[in-house]
Protein backbone atom coordinates (compact mmCIF):
# COMPACT_ATOMS: atom_id res chain seq x y z
CA MET A 1 -30.46 68.11 -20.13
CA TYR A 2 -31.66 70.57 -17.58
CA TYR A 3 -32.73 69.50 -14.36
CA PRO A 4 -34.46 71.92 -11.82
CA VAL A 5 -32.46 72.61 -8.43
CA CYS A 6 -33.84 70.60 -5.49
CA ALA A 7 -33.29 70.81 -2.04
CA THR A 8 -32.27 67.02 -1.78
CA TRP A 9 -31.87 64.59 -4.56
CA PRO A 10 -34.06 63.57 -5.61
CA ASP A 11 -36.55 65.68 -4.14
CA LEU A 12 -39.81 64.14 -5.72
CA ARG A 13 -41.97 67.30 -4.91
CA CYS A 14 -39.95 69.18 -7.71
CA TRP A 15 -40.19 66.19 -10.12
CA ASN A 16 -43.72 65.50 -9.67
CA SER A 17 -44.72 68.96 -10.15
CA LEU A 18 -43.04 68.86 -13.67
CA GLN A 19 -43.80 66.85 -16.84
CA ILE A 20 -39.98 65.62 -17.34
CA PRO A 21 -38.84 62.10 -16.52
CA ARG A 22 -36.74 62.30 -13.35
CA PRO A 23 -32.99 60.62 -13.51
CA GLU A 24 -32.29 57.33 -11.18
CA TYR A 25 -28.86 59.39 -10.09
CA PRO A 26 -26.94 62.40 -10.91
CA GLU A 27 -24.72 62.59 -13.78
CA VAL A 28 -21.38 62.42 -12.97
CA ILE A 29 -19.06 65.08 -15.12
CA MET A 30 -15.33 63.98 -14.84
CA MET A 31 -12.64 66.60 -15.93
CA ASP A 32 -10.67 66.25 -18.68
CA GLU A 33 -8.64 62.94 -18.28
CA THR A 34 -5.84 64.49 -20.34
CA LEU A 35 -4.41 66.71 -17.74
CA GLU A 36 -1.50 64.91 -15.54
CA LEU A 37 -0.82 65.05 -11.97
CA SER A 38 2.31 66.00 -10.72
CA LEU A 39 4.36 63.47 -8.57
CA GLU A 40 3.40 65.13 -5.40
CA GLN A 41 -0.47 65.02 -6.35
CA GLN A 42 0.01 61.40 -7.40
CA PHE A 43 1.20 60.59 -4.08
CA ARG A 44 -1.45 62.04 -2.23
CA GLN A 45 -3.84 60.75 -4.41
CA ARG A 46 -2.66 57.29 -3.49
CA ALA A 47 -2.56 58.30 0.01
CA PHE A 48 -6.22 59.30 -0.22
CA GLU A 49 -7.18 55.92 -1.96
CA THR A 50 -5.39 53.81 0.96
CA LEU A 51 -7.20 56.07 3.67
CA VAL A 52 -10.49 55.75 1.93
CA SER A 53 -10.04 51.82 1.52
CA ARG A 54 -9.66 51.27 5.14
CA MET A 55 -12.93 53.24 5.79
CA SER A 56 -16.22 51.66 6.39
CA PRO A 57 -18.82 52.47 4.06
CA GLU A 58 -20.54 54.85 6.71
CA GLN A 59 -17.27 56.70 6.89
CA ALA A 60 -16.56 56.88 3.37
CA LYS A 61 -19.81 58.41 2.78
CA ASP A 62 -19.38 61.11 5.31
CA ILE A 63 -16.10 62.09 4.15
CA LEU A 64 -17.64 62.36 0.48
CA VAL A 65 -20.26 64.54 1.82
CA LYS A 66 -17.50 66.93 3.50
CA LEU A 67 -15.35 66.77 0.41
CA HIS A 68 -18.21 67.84 -1.96
CA LYS A 69 -18.92 70.88 0.32
CA GLN A 70 -15.23 71.65 0.35
CA MET A 71 -15.41 71.36 -3.78
CA LEU A 72 -18.33 73.75 -3.47
CA LEU A 73 -16.53 76.22 -1.32
CA GLN A 74 -13.71 76.22 -3.52
CA GLU A 75 -15.55 76.84 -6.61
CA ALA A 76 -17.66 79.75 -4.85
CA THR A 77 -14.08 81.13 -3.57
CA TYR A 78 -12.62 80.97 -7.28
CA ARG A 79 -15.75 82.79 -8.48
CA GLN A 80 -15.67 85.53 -6.29
CA LEU A 81 -11.80 86.14 -7.08
CA LEU A 82 -12.44 86.02 -10.86
CA ARG A 83 -15.39 88.45 -9.93
CA HIS A 84 -13.16 90.56 -8.12
CA SER A 85 -10.19 90.86 -10.61
CA LEU A 86 -12.30 91.32 -13.42
CA SER A 87 -13.76 94.44 -11.63
CA ALA A 88 -10.65 95.96 -10.87
């Protein structure tokens, strides 16, 4: 389902002006679970899980927001590299 882009989630001003029901929370889309992590990646994931388990809820929320921003920056970088490689 298509949802309009809003500045914050959920931005009620966007939803109220439209005649579509607003979701309670954003849908989380996970990557294909059949991909396997390398041994080093599994270790890093376990270390991250341990770190997060020792955080307060506020610290965990803060790191989650920062992680999301990093993922968006990574996606933008990949798109720019792909665009550059296709134009060359």
